[in-house]
Amino acid sequence: MKLTLNNFDEEAKKGKSHNNNWIKVGLSTCGIAAGADVAFDTIKKVLQENQSDVEVIRVGCAGKCYAEPLVEVKIEGMPQVVYGKVNEEVATKIVQKHVLGKQLINDHIYLLKDA
């Protein structure tokens, strides 16, 4: 099907997940240079090991290169949080403590949004 202005919104909605729980990892050039690819792989691995259906989404630059790698987490019943300086250890904590344990990891919060 040819994508036109008339069917763009409809097609974009089809690609959206209906999962309310997700983790976004910034995989722009600055994120990758800071190790975001390792954080992304670690998050996916730990989620899989725990049989979690939380969606992991690749996103671009958030404009906070000083805090890379950045990981944004939205889990029902929890505030939406952006974690910064996420290495392999912090990525594991994000899944184990935030996603599975419903606890914030205060040492790495860069932005706390309303739930």
PDB file of N, CA and C in Angstrom:
ATOM      1  N   MET A   1       0.845  -1.176   0.000  1.00  0.00           N
ATOM      2  CA  MET A   1       0.000   0.000   0.000  1.00  0.00           C
ATOM      3  C   MET A   1       0.890   1.239   0.000  1.00  0.00           C
ATOM      4  N   LYS A   2       0.504   2.205  -0.783  1.00  0.00           N
ATOM      5  CA  LYS A   2       1.235   3.456  -0.864  1.00  0.00           C
ATOM      6  C   LYS A   2       0.856   4.328   0.332  1.00  0.00           C
ATOM      7  N   LEU A   3       1.860   4.890   1.003  1.00  0.00           N
ATOM      8  CA  LEU A   3       1.625   5.757   2.149  1.00  0.00           C
ATOM      9  C   LEU A   3       1.343   7.168   1.657  1.00  0.00           C
ATOM     10  N   THR A   4       0.197   7.708   2.078  1.00  0.00           N
ATOM     11  CA  THR A   4      -0.194   9.059   1.704  1.00  0.00           C
ATOM     12  C   THR A   4      -0.521   9.848   2.965  1.00  0.00           C
ATOM     13  N   LEU A   5      -0.716  11.149   2.819  1.00  0.00           N
ATOM     14  CA  LEU A   5      -1.104  11.968   3.967  1.00  0.00           C
ATOM     15  C   LEU A   5      -2.431  11.496   4.559  1.00  0.00           C
ATOM     16  N   ASN A   6      -3.315  11.006   3.725  1.00  0.00           N
ATOM     17  CA  ASN A   6      -4.633  10.575   4.194  1.00  0.00           C
ATOM     18  C   ASN A   6      -4.580   9.303   5.041  1.00  0.00           C
ATOM     19  N   ASN A   7      -3.655   8.399   4.753  1.00  0.00           N
ATOM     20  CA  ASN A   7      -3.619   7.152   5.519  1.00  0.00           C
ATOM     21  C   ASN A   7      -2.431   7.065   6.481  1.00  0.00           C
ATOM     22  N   PHE A   8      -1.658   8.139   6.598  1.00  0.00           N
ATOM     23  CA  PHE A   8      -0.486   8.135   7.469  1.00  0.00           C
ATOM     24  C   PHE A   8      -0.847   7.859   8.933  1.00  0.00           C
ATOM     25  N   ASP A   9      -1.815   8.597   9.488  1.00  0.00           N
ATOM     26  CA  ASP A   9      -2.210   8.413  10.893  1.00  0.00           C
ATOM     27  C   ASP A   9      -2.714   7.004  11.151  1.00  0.00           C
ATOM     28  N   GLU A  10      -3.494   6.500  10.223  1.00  0.00           N
ATOM     29  CA  GLU A  10      -4.040   5.153  10.370  1.00  0.00           C
ATOM     30  C   GLU A  10      -2.924   4.111  10.413  1.00  0.00           C
ATOM     31  N   GLU A  11      -1.963   4.245   9.537  1.00  0.00           N
ATOM     32  CA  GLU A  11      -0.846   3.307   9.492  1.00  0.00           C
ATOM     33  C   GLU A  11       0.036   3.448  10.731  1.00  0.00           C
ATOM     34  N   ALA A  12       0.228   4.671  11.205  1.00  0.00           N
ATOM     35  CA  ALA A  12       1.057   4.882  12.398  1.00  0.00           C
ATOM     36  C   ALA A  12       0.420   4.231  13.617  1.00  0.00           C
ATOM     37  N   LYS A  13      -0.890   4.288  13.729  1.00  0.00           N
ATOM     38  CA  LYS A  13      -1.596   3.684  14.866  1.00  0.00           C
ATOM     39  C   LYS A  13      -1.460   2.167  14.864  1.00  0.00           C
ATOM     40  N   LYS A  14      -1.402   1.569  13.684  1.00  0.00           N
ATOM     41  CA  LYS A  14      -1.261   0.114  13.582  1.00  0.00           C
ATOM     42  C   LYS A  14       0.046  -0.357  14.212  1.00  0.00           C
ATOM     43  N   GLY A  15       1.089   0.450  14.086  1.00  0.00           N
ATOM     44  CA  GLY A  15       2.393   0.067  14.595  1.00  0.00           C
ATOM     45  C   GLY A  15       2.557   0.281  16.084  1.00  0.00           C
ATOM     46  N   LYS A  16       1.635   0.997  16.695  1.00  0.00           N
ATOM     47  CA  LYS A  16       1.751   1.279  18.121  1.00  0.00           C
ATOM     48  C   LYS A  16       1.350   0.083  18.956  1.00  0.00           C
ATOM     49  N   SER A  17       2.073  -0.101  20.037  1.00  0.00           N
ATOM     50  CA  SER A  17       1.791  -1.195  20.958  1.00  0.00           C
ATOM     51  C   SER A  17       0.638  -0.827  21.878  1.00  0.00           C
ATOM     52  N   HIS A  18      -0.095  -1.816  22.302  1.00  0.00           N
ATOM     53  CA  HIS A  18      -1.162  -1.590  23.266  1.00  0.00           C
ATOM     54  C   HIS A  18      -0.683  -1.940  24.667  1.00  0.00           C
ATOM     55  N   ASN A  19       0.594  -2.240  24.796  1.00  0.00           N
ATOM     56  CA  ASN A  19       1.191  -2.573  26.073  1.00  0.00           C
ATOM     57  C   ASN A  19       1.439  -1.281  26.842  1.00  0.00           C
ATOM     58  N   ASN A  20       0.915  -1.174  28.060  1.00  0.00           N
ATOM     59  CA  ASN A  20       1.106   0.020  28.875  1.00  0.00           C
ATOM     60  C   ASN A  20       2.440   0.036  29.587  1.00  0.00           C
ATOM     61  N   ASN A  21       3.159  -1.053  29.549  1.00  0.00           N
ATOM     62  CA  ASN A  21       4.456  -1.152  30.202  1.00  0.00           C
ATOM     63  C   ASN A  21       5.546  -1.190  29.149  1.00  0.00           C
ATOM     64  N   TRP A  22       6.490  -0.252  29.244  1.00  0.00           N
ATOM     65  CA  TRP A  22       7.571  -0.219  28.270  1.00  0.00           C
ATOM     66  C   TRP A  22       8.831   0.385  28.848  1.00  0.00           C
ATOM     67  N   ILE A  23       9.926   0.107  28.169  1.00  0.00           N
ATOM     68  CA  ILE A  23      11.229   0.685  28.478  1.00  0.00           C
ATOM     69  C   ILE A  23      11.792   1.218  27.168  1.00  0.00           C
ATOM     70  N   LYS A  24      12.164   2.505  27.164  1.00  0.00           N
ATOM     71  CA  LYS A  24      12.772   3.118  25.988  1.00  0.00           C
ATOM     72  C   LYS A  24      14.246   3.353  26.257  1.00  0.00           C
ATOM     73  N   VAL A  25      15.072   2.916  25.322  1.00  0.00           N
ATOM     74  CA  VAL A  25      16.518   3.085  25.448  1.00  0.00           C
ATOM     75  C   VAL A  25      16.993   3.986  24.315  1.00  0.00           C
ATOM     76  N   GLY A  26      17.691   5.071  24.678  1.00  0.00           N
ATOM     77  CA  GLY A  26      18.212   6.009  23.687  1.00  0.00           C
ATOM     78  C   GLY A  26      19.409   5.434  22.965  1.00  0.00           C
ATOM     79  N   LEU A  27      19.208   5.109  21.687  1.00  0.00           N
ATOM     80  CA  LEU A  27      20.279   4.501  20.895  1.00  0.00           C
ATOM     81  C   LEU A  27      20.721   5.402  19.746  1.00  0.00           C
ATOM     82  N   SER A  28      20.863   6.696  20.051  1.00  0.00           N
ATOM     83  CA  SER A  28      21.445   7.608  19.075  1.00  0.00           C
ATOM     84  C   SER A  28      22.968   7.465  19.152  1.00  0.00           C
ATOM     85  N   THR A  29      23.678   8.225  18.365  1.00  0.00           N
ATOM     86  CA  THR A  29      25.134   8.115  18.322  1.00  0.00           C
ATOM     87  C   THR A  29      25.757   8.349  19.695  1.00  0.00           C
ATOM     88  N   CYS A  30      25.285   9.383  20.395  1.00  0.00           N
ATOM     89  CA  CYS A  30      25.877   9.683  21.709  1.00  0.00           C
ATOM     90  C   CYS A  30      25.540   8.582  22.714  1.00  0.00           C
ATOM     91  N   GLY A  31      24.345   8.031  22.622  1.00  0.00           N
ATOM     92  CA  GLY A  31      23.953   6.940  23.516  1.00  0.00           C
ATOM     93  C   GLY A  31      24.783   5.693  23.285  1.00  0.00           C
ATOM     94  N   ILE A  32      24.948   5.334  22.033  1.00  0.00           N
ATOM     95  CA  ILE A  32      25.740   4.147  21.694  1.00  0.00           C
ATOM     96  C   ILE A  32      27.194   4.332  22.125  1.00  0.00           C
ATOM     97  N   ALA A  33      27.739   5.527  21.909  1.00  0.00           N
ATOM     98  CA  ALA A  33      29.118   5.808  22.317  1.00  0.00           C
ATOM     99  C   ALA A  33      29.289   5.667  23.829  1.00  0.00           C
ATOM    100  N   ALA A  34      28.218   5.930  24.575  1.00  0.00           N
ATOM    101  CA  ALA A  34      28.275   5.841  26.039  1.00  0.00           C
ATOM    102  C   ALA A  34      27.917   4.452  26.558  1.00  0.00           C
ATOM    103  N   GLY A  35      27.509   3.532  25.663  1.00  0.00           N
ATOM    104  CA  GLY A  35      27.218   2.165  26.077  1.00  0.00           C
ATOM    105  C   GLY A  35      25.754   1.781  26.083  1.00  0.00           C
ATOM    106  N   ALA A  36      24.905   2.536  25.394  1.00  0.00           N
ATOM    107  CA  ALA A  36      23.472   2.240  25.382  1.00  0.00           C
ATOM    108  C   ALA A  36      23.160   0.886  24.755  1.00  0.00           C
ATOM    109  N   ASP A  37      23.971   0.447  23.816  1.00  0.00           N
ATOM    110  CA  ASP A  37      23.728  -0.859  23.201  1.00  0.00           C
ATOM    111  C   ASP A  37      23.876  -1.977  24.227  1.00  0.00           C
ATOM    112  N   VAL A  38      24.817  -1.830  25.151  1.00  0.00           N
ATOM    113  CA  VAL A  38      24.994  -2.816  26.226  1.00  0.00           C
ATOM    114  C   VAL A  38      23.793  -2.770  27.174  1.00  0.00           C
ATOM    115  N   ALA A  39      23.353  -1.562  27.515  1.00  0.00           N
ATOM    116  CA  ALA A  39      22.174  -1.415  28.384  1.00  0.00           C
ATOM    117  C   ALA A  39      20.945  -2.039  27.728  1.00  0.00           C
ATOM    118  N   PHE A  40      20.744  -1.780  26.440  1.00  0.00           N
ATOM    119  CA  PHE A  40      19.608  -2.321  25.691  1.00  0.00           C
ATOM    120  C   PHE A  40      19.633  -3.854  25.723  1.00  0.00           C
ATOM    121  N   ASP A  41      20.771  -4.436  25.378  1.00  0.00           N
ATOM    122  CA  ASP A  41      20.899  -5.899  25.353  1.00  0.00           C
ATOM    123  C   ASP A  41      20.686  -6.501  26.744  1.00  0.00           C
ATOM    124  N   THR A  42      21.227  -5.853  27.768  1.00  0.00           N
ATOM    125  CA  THR A  42      21.077  -6.348  29.131  1.00  0.00           C
ATOM    126  C   THR A  42      19.625  -6.325  29.565  1.00  0.00           C
ATOM    127  N   ILE A  43      18.938  -5.225  29.294  1.00  0.00           N
ATOM    128  CA  ILE A  43      17.521  -5.107  29.657  1.00  0.00           C
ATOM    129  C   ILE A  43      16.704  -6.198  28.980  1.00  0.00           C
ATOM    130  N   LYS A  44      16.918  -6.385  27.681  1.00  0.00           N
ATOM    131  CA  LYS A  44      16.177  -7.421  26.950  1.00  0.00           C
ATOM    132  C   LYS A  44      16.467  -8.808  27.527  1.00  0.00           C
ATOM    133  N   LYS A  45      17.718  -9.082  27.842  1.00  0.00           N
ATOM    134  CA  LYS A  45      18.119 -10.386  28.378  1.00  0.00           C
ATOM    135  C   LYS A  45      17.471 -10.643  29.741  1.00  0.00           C
ATOM    136  N   VAL A  46      17.536  -9.678  30.647  1.00  0.00           N
ATOM    137  CA  VAL A  46      16.991  -9.865  31.993  1.00  0.00           C
ATOM    138  C   VAL A  46      15.463  -9.966  31.948  1.00  0.00           C
ATOM    139  N   LEU A  47      14.819  -9.192  31.082  1.00  0.00           N
ATOM    140  CA  LEU A  47      13.366  -9.309  30.924  1.00  0.00           C
ATOM    141  C   LEU A  47      12.998 -10.711  30.435  1.00  0.00           C
ATOM    142  N   GLN A  48      13.745 -11.202  29.445  1.00  0.00           N
ATOM    143  CA  GLN A  48      13.487 -12.527  28.891  1.00  0.00           C
ATOM    144  C   GLN A  48      13.701 -13.616  29.944  1.00  0.00           C
ATOM    145  N   GLU A  49      14.770 -13.498  30.719  1.00  0.00           N
ATOM    146  CA  GLU A  49      15.041 -14.470  31.780  1.00  0.00           C
ATOM    147  C   GLU A  49      13.907 -14.522  32.803  1.00  0.00           C
ATOM    148  N   ASN A  50      13.242 -13.379  33.009  1.00  0.00           N
ATOM    149  CA  ASN A  50      12.155 -13.292  33.977  1.00  0.00           C
ATOM    150  C   ASN A  50      10.779 -13.412  33.317  1.00  0.00           C
ATOM    151  N   GLN A  51      10.767 -13.776  32.054  1.00  0.00           N
ATOM    152  CA  GLN A  51       9.544 -13.980  31.285  1.00  0.00           C
ATOM    153  C   GLN A  51       8.593 -12.788  31.385  1.00  0.00           C
ATOM    154  N   SER A  52       9.163 -11.599  31.279  1.00  0.00           N
ATOM    155  CA  SER A  52       8.385 -10.363  31.336  1.00  0.00           C
ATOM    156  C   SER A  52       7.990  -9.931  29.931  1.00  0.00           C
ATOM    157  N   ASP A  53       6.775  -9.409  29.805  1.00  0.00           N
ATOM    158  CA  ASP A  53       6.294  -8.962  28.495  1.00  0.00           C
ATOM    159  C   ASP A  53       6.450  -7.457  28.304  1.00  0.00           C
ATOM    160  N   VAL A  54       7.257  -6.812  29.141  1.00  0.00           N
ATOM    161  CA  VAL A  54       7.516  -5.382  28.994  1.00  0.00           C
ATOM    162  C   VAL A  54       8.214  -5.150  27.658  1.00  0.00           C
ATOM    163  N   GLU A  55       7.704  -4.208  26.898  1.00  0.00           N
ATOM    164  CA  GLU A  55       8.257  -3.911  25.581  1.00  0.00           C
ATOM    165  C   GLU A  55       9.499  -3.037  25.713  1.00  0.00           C
ATOM    166  N   VAL A  56      10.554  -3.367  24.984  1.00  0.00           N
ATOM    167  CA  VAL A  56      11.778  -2.562  24.963  1.00  0.00           C
ATOM    168  C   VAL A  56      11.839  -1.877  23.604  1.00  0.00           C
ATOM    169  N   ILE A  57      11.944  -0.544  23.635  1.00  0.00           N
ATOM    170  CA  ILE A  57      11.840   0.263  22.426  1.00  0.00           C
ATOM    171  C   ILE A  57      13.119   1.064  22.210  1.00  0.00           C
ATOM    172  N   ARG A  58      13.632   1.030  20.987  1.00  0.00           N
ATOM    173  CA  ARG A  58      14.784   1.863  20.611  1.00  0.00           C
ATOM    174  C   ARG A  58      14.276   3.255  20.273  1.00  0.00           C
ATOM    175  N   VAL A  59      14.903   4.280  20.850  1.00  0.00           N
ATOM    176  CA  VAL A  59      14.550   5.660  20.535  1.00  0.00           C
ATOM    177  C   VAL A  59      15.815   6.443  20.221  1.00  0.00           C
ATOM    178  N   GLY A  60      15.641   7.659  19.753  1.00  0.00           N
ATOM    179  CA  GLY A  60      16.767   8.503  19.374  1.00  0.00           C
ATOM    180  C   GLY A  60      17.219   9.412  20.496  1.00  0.00           C
ATOM    181  N   CYS A  61      17.829  10.494  20.117  1.00  0.00           N
ATOM    182  CA  CYS A  61      18.434  11.435  21.049  1.00  0.00           C
ATOM    183  C   CYS A  61      17.378  12.205  21.846  1.00  0.00           C
ATOM    184  N   ALA A  62      17.640  12.348  23.144  1.00  0.00           N
ATOM    185  CA  ALA A  62      16.747  13.117  24.019  1.00  0.00           C
ATOM    186  C   ALA A  62      17.359  14.474  24.351  1.00  0.00           C
ATOM    187  N   GLY A  63      18.558  14.761  23.831  1.00  0.00           N
ATOM    188  CA  GLY A  63      19.191  16.051  24.055  1.00  0.00           C
ATOM    189  C   GLY A  63      19.918  16.176  25.387  1.00  0.00           C
ATOM    190  N   LYS A  64      20.131  15.074  26.058  1.00  0.00           N
ATOM    191  CA  LYS A  64      20.836  15.093  27.345  1.00  0.00           C
ATOM    192  C   LYS A  64      22.079  14.194  27.254  1.00  0.00           C
ATOM    193  N   CYS A  65      22.953  14.534  26.337  1.00  0.00           N
ATOM    194  CA  CYS A  65      24.127  13.701  26.067  1.00  0.00           C
ATOM    195  C   CYS A  65      24.993  13.493  27.301  1.00  0.00           C
ATOM    196  N   TYR A  66      25.018  14.462  28.198  1.00  0.00           N
ATOM    197  CA  TYR A  66      25.826  14.360  29.409  1.00  0.00           C
ATOM    198  C   TYR A  66      25.375  13.220  30.324  1.00  0.00           C
ATOM    199  N   ALA A  67      24.142  12.744  30.164  1.00  0.00           N
ATOM    200  CA  ALA A  67      23.588  11.711  31.049  1.00  0.00           C
ATOM    201  C   ALA A  67      23.472  10.352  30.368  1.00  0.00           C
ATOM    202  N   GLU A  68      23.938  10.238  29.140  1.00  0.00           N
ATOM    203  CA  GLU A  68      23.820   8.977  28.407  1.00  0.00           C
ATOM    204  C   GLU A  68      24.587   7.859  29.092  1.00  0.00           C
ATOM    205  N   PRO A  69      24.148   6.645  28.911  1.00  0.00           N
ATOM    206  CA  PRO A  69      22.935   6.159  28.275  1.00  0.00           C
ATOM    207  C   PRO A  69      21.679   6.482  29.100  1.00  0.00           C
ATOM    208  N   LEU A  70      20.625   6.881  28.386  1.00  0.00           N
ATOM    209  CA  LEU A  70      19.347   7.206  29.009  1.00  0.00           C
ATOM    210  C   LEU A  70      18.353   6.085  28.781  1.00  0.00           C
ATOM    211  N   VAL A  71      17.598   5.766  29.825  1.00  0.00           N
ATOM    212  CA  VAL A  71      16.576   4.729  29.757  1.00  0.00           C
ATOM    213  C   VAL A  71      15.324   5.269  30.431  1.00  0.00           C
ATOM    214  N   GLU A  72      14.222   5.309  29.677  1.00  0.00           N
ATOM    215  CA  GLU A  72      12.939   5.767  30.211  1.00  0.00           C
ATOM    216  C   GLU A  72      12.067   4.545  30.494  1.00  0.00           C
ATOM    217  N   VAL A  73      11.425   4.546  31.657  1.00  0.00           N
ATOM    218  CA  VAL A  73      10.652   3.379  32.085  1.00  0.00           C
ATOM    219  C   VAL A  73       9.237   3.802  32.450  1.00  0.00           C
ATOM    220  N   LYS A  74       8.264   3.085  31.895  1.00  0.00           N
ATOM    221  CA  LYS A  74       6.859   3.305  32.244  1.00  0.00           C
ATOM    222  C   LYS A  74       6.256   1.946  32.608  1.00  0.00           C
ATOM    223  N   ILE A  75       5.910   1.816  33.868  1.00  0.00           N
ATOM    224  CA  ILE A  75       5.290   0.608  34.396  1.00  0.00           C
ATOM    225  C   ILE A  75       4.017   1.038  35.118  1.00  0.00           C
ATOM    226  N   GLU A  76       2.905   0.387  34.816  1.00  0.00           N
ATOM    227  CA  GLU A  76       1.633   0.741  35.455  1.00  0.00           C
ATOM    228  C   GLU A  76       1.767   0.781  36.963  1.00  0.00           C
ATOM    229  N   GLY A  77       1.192   1.833  37.573  1.00  0.00           N
ATOM    230  CA  GLY A  77       1.219   1.979  39.015  1.00  0.00           C
ATOM    231  C   GLY A  77       2.485   2.628  39.551  1.00  0.00           C
ATOM    232  N   MET A  78       3.408   2.977  38.648  1.00  0.00           N
ATOM    233  CA  MET A  78       4.674   3.606  39.035  1.00  0.00           C
ATOM    234  C   MET A  78       4.808   4.920  38.284  1.00  0.00           C
ATOM    235  N   PRO A  79       5.581   5.873  38.849  1.00  0.00           N
ATOM    236  CA  PRO A  79       5.841   7.095  38.075  1.00  0.00           C
ATOM    237  C   PRO A  79       6.718   6.772  36.869  1.00  0.00           C
ATOM    238  N   GLN A  80       6.551   7.538  35.817  1.00  0.00           N
ATOM    239  CA  GLN A  80       7.384   7.381  34.628  1.00  0.00           C
ATOM    240  C   GLN A  80       8.730   8.042  34.935  1.00  0.00           C
ATOM    241  N   VAL A  81       9.816   7.327  34.688  1.00  0.00           N
ATOM    242  CA  VAL A  81      11.138   7.764  35.117  1.00  0.00           C
ATOM    243  C   VAL A  81      12.129   7.694  33.962  1.00  0.00           C
ATOM    244  N   VAL A  82      13.047   8.660  33.935  1.00  0.00           N
ATOM    245  CA  VAL A  82      14.181   8.593  33.022  1.00  0.00           C
ATOM    246  C   VAL A  82      15.427   8.384  33.877  1.00  0.00           C
ATOM    247  N   TYR A  83      16.102   7.275  33.630  1.00  0.00           N
ATOM    248  CA  TYR A  83      17.346   6.954  34.322  1.00  0.00           C
ATOM    249  C   TYR A  83      18.508   7.349  33.424  1.00  0.00           C
ATOM    250  N   GLY A  84      19.576   7.852  34.023  1.00  0.00           N
ATOM    251  CA  GLY A  84      20.765   8.225  33.270  1.00  0.00           C
ATOM    252  C   GLY A  84      21.985   7.472  33.744  1.00  0.00           C
ATOM    253  N   LYS A  85      23.043   7.521  32.925  1.00  0.00           N
ATOM    254  CA  LYS A  85      24.301   6.829  33.221  1.00  0.00           C
ATOM    255  C   LYS A  85      24.046   5.343  33.461  1.00  0.00           C
ATOM    256  N   VAL A  86      23.252   4.733  32.560  1.00  0.00           N
ATOM    257  CA  VAL A  86      22.834   3.334  32.719  1.00  0.00           C
ATOM    258  C   VAL A  86      23.870   2.400  32.105  1.00  0.00           C
ATOM    259  N   ASN A  87      24.600   1.726  32.983  1.00  0.00           N
ATOM    260  CA  ASN A  87      25.544   0.703  32.532  1.00  0.00           C
ATOM    261  C   ASN A  87      24.878  -0.668  32.687  1.00  0.00           C
ATOM    262  N   GLU A  88      25.633  -1.722  32.518  1.00  0.00           N
ATOM    263  CA  GLU A  88      25.074  -3.073  32.590  1.00  0.00           C
ATOM    264  C   GLU A  88      24.467  -3.362  33.976  1.00  0.00           C
ATOM    265  N   GLU A  89      25.151  -2.941  35.025  1.00  0.00           N
ATOM    266  CA  GLU A  89      24.668  -3.159  36.392  1.00  0.00           C
ATOM    267  C   GLU A  89      23.361  -2.407  36.653  1.00  0.00           C
ATOM    268  N   VAL A  90      23.297  -1.153  36.229  1.00  0.00           N
ATOM    269  CA  VAL A  90      22.085  -0.349  36.432  1.00  0.00           C
ATOM    270  C   VAL A  90      20.942  -0.893  35.576  1.00  0.00           C
ATOM    271  N   ALA A  91      21.254  -1.336  34.371  1.00  0.00           N
ATOM    272  CA  ALA A  91      20.226  -1.917  33.499  1.00  0.00           C
ATOM    273  C   ALA A  91      19.587  -3.136  34.161  1.00  0.00           C
ATOM    274  N   THR A  92      20.401  -3.954  34.784  1.00  0.00           N
ATOM    275  CA  THR A  92      19.887  -5.130  35.501  1.00  0.00           C
ATOM    276  C   THR A  92      19.005  -4.696  36.667  1.00  0.00           C
ATOM    277  N   LYS A  93      19.444  -3.677  37.415  1.00  0.00           N
ATOM    278  CA  LYS A  93      18.651  -3.152  38.532  1.00  0.00           C
ATOM    279  C   LYS A  93      17.315  -2.586  38.057  1.00  0.00           C
ATOM    280  N   ILE A  94      17.325  -1.938  36.896  1.00  0.00           N
ATOM    281  CA  ILE A  94      16.083  -1.363  36.370  1.00  0.00           C
ATOM    282  C   ILE A  94      15.037  -2.454  36.209  1.00  0.00           C
ATOM    283  N   VAL A  95      15.439  -3.576  35.641  1.00  0.00           N
ATOM    284  CA  VAL A  95      14.485  -4.670  35.450  1.00  0.00           C
ATOM    285  C   VAL A  95      14.127  -5.303  36.792  1.00  0.00           C
ATOM    286  N   GLN A  96      15.135  -5.662  37.575  1.00  0.00           N
ATOM    287  CA  GLN A  96      14.869  -6.389  38.816  1.00  0.00           C
ATOM    288  C   GLN A  96      14.148  -5.543  39.858  1.00  0.00           C
ATOM    289  N   LYS A  97      14.583  -4.311  40.052  1.00  0.00           N
ATOM    290  CA  LYS A  97      14.000  -3.485  41.103  1.00  0.00           C
ATOM    291  C   LYS A  97      12.798  -2.677  40.628  1.00  0.00           C
ATOM    292  N   HIS A  98      12.934  -1.943  39.517  1.00  0.00           N
ATOM    293  CA  HIS A  98      11.850  -1.075  39.071  1.00  0.00           C
ATOM    294  C   HIS A  98      10.717  -1.877  38.422  1.00  0.00           C
ATOM    295  N   VAL A  99      11.048  -2.648  37.414  1.00  0.00           N
ATOM    296  CA  VAL A  99      10.018  -3.365  36.657  1.00  0.00           C
ATOM    297  C   VAL A  99       9.383  -4.484  37.489  1.00  0.00           C
ATOM    298  N   LEU A 100      10.207  -5.345  38.059  1.00  0.00           N
ATOM    299  CA  LEU A 100       9.687  -6.505  38.785  1.00  0.00           C
ATOM    300  C   LEU A 100       9.383  -6.204  40.254  1.00  0.00           C
ATOM    301  N   GLY A 101      10.216  -5.364  40.899  1.00  0.00           N
ATOM    302  CA  GLY A 101      10.060  -5.099  42.324  1.00  0.00           C
ATOM    303  C   GLY A 101       9.262  -3.855  42.663  1.00  0.00           C
ATOM    304  N   LYS A 102       8.918  -3.058  41.633  1.00  0.00           N
ATOM    305  CA  LYS A 102       8.140  -1.824  41.817  1.00  0.00           C
ATOM    306  C   LYS A 102       8.817  -0.856  42.792  1.00  0.00           C
ATOM    307  N   GLN A 103      10.153  -0.704  42.649  1.00  0.00           N
ATOM    308  CA  GLN A 103      10.925   0.234  43.462  1.00  0.00           C
ATOM    309  C   GLN A 103      11.749   1.126  42.540  1.00  0.00           C
ATOM    310  N   LEU A 104      11.818   2.407  42.860  1.00  0.00           N
ATOM    311  CA  LEU A 104      12.633   3.327  42.077  1.00  0.00           C
ATOM    312  C   LEU A 104      14.102   3.169  42.453  1.00  0.00           C
ATOM    313  N   ILE A 105      14.978   3.441  41.496  1.00  0.00           N
ATOM    314  CA  ILE A 105      16.418   3.403  41.725  1.00  0.00           C
ATOM    315  C   ILE A 105      16.873   4.856  41.807  1.00  0.00           C
ATOM    316  N   ASN A 106      16.810   5.421  42.977  1.00  0.00           N
ATOM    317  CA  ASN A 106      16.997   6.857  43.184  1.00  0.00           C
ATOM    318  C   ASN A 106      18.340   7.402  42.710  1.00  0.00           C
ATOM    319  N   ASP A 107      19.405   6.618  42.777  1.00  0.00           N
ATOM    320  CA  ASP A 107      20.747   7.097  42.421  1.00  0.00           C
ATOM    321  C   ASP A 107      20.877   7.479  40.951  1.00  0.00           C
ATOM    322  N   HIS A 108      20.005   6.994  40.104  1.00  0.00           N
ATOM    323  CA  HIS A 108      20.164   7.202  38.666  1.00  0.00           C
ATOM    324  C   HIS A 108      18.999   7.929  38.012  1.00  0.00           C
ATOM    325  N   ILE A 109      18.080   8.464  38.807  1.00  0.00           N
ATOM    326  CA  ILE A 109      16.939   9.182  38.239  1.00  0.00           C
ATOM    327  C   ILE A 109      17.390  10.554  37.747  1.00  0.00           C
ATOM    328  N   TYR A 110      17.102  10.858  36.476  1.00  0.00           N
ATOM    329  CA  TYR A 110      17.380  12.166  35.913  1.00  0.00           C
ATOM    330  C   TYR A 110      16.101  12.962  35.709  1.00  0.00           C
ATOM    331  N   LEU A 111      14.979  12.281  35.561  1.00  0.00           N
ATOM    332  CA  LEU A 111      13.704  12.959  35.373  1.00  0.00           C
ATOM    333  C   LEU A 111      12.611  12.054  35.882  1.00  0.00           C
ATOM    334  N   LEU A 112      11.750  12.600  36.737  1.00  0.00           N
ATOM    335  CA  LEU A 112      10.625  11.861  37.295  1.00  0.00           C
ATOM    336  C   LEU A 112       9.369  12.529  36.776  1.00  0.00           C
ATOM    337  N   LYS A 113       8.555  11.787  36.035  1.00  0.00           N
ATOM    338  CA  LYS A 113       7.315  12.318  35.476  1.00  0.00           C
ATOM    339  C   LYS A 113       6.143  11.830  36.312  1.00  0.00           C
ATOM    340  N   ASP A 114       5.017  12.488  36.187  1.00  0.00           N
ATOM    341  CA  ASP A 114       3.810  12.049  36.914  1.00  0.00           C
ATOM    342  C   ASP A 114       3.358  10.690  36.422  1.00  0.00           C
ATOM    343  N   ALA A 115       2.800   9.903  37.342  1.00  0.00           N
ATOM    344  CA  ALA A 115       2.289   8.575  36.987  1.00  0.00           C
ATOM    345  C   ALA A 115       1.008   8.685  36.230  1.00  0.00           C
TER     346      ALA A 115
END
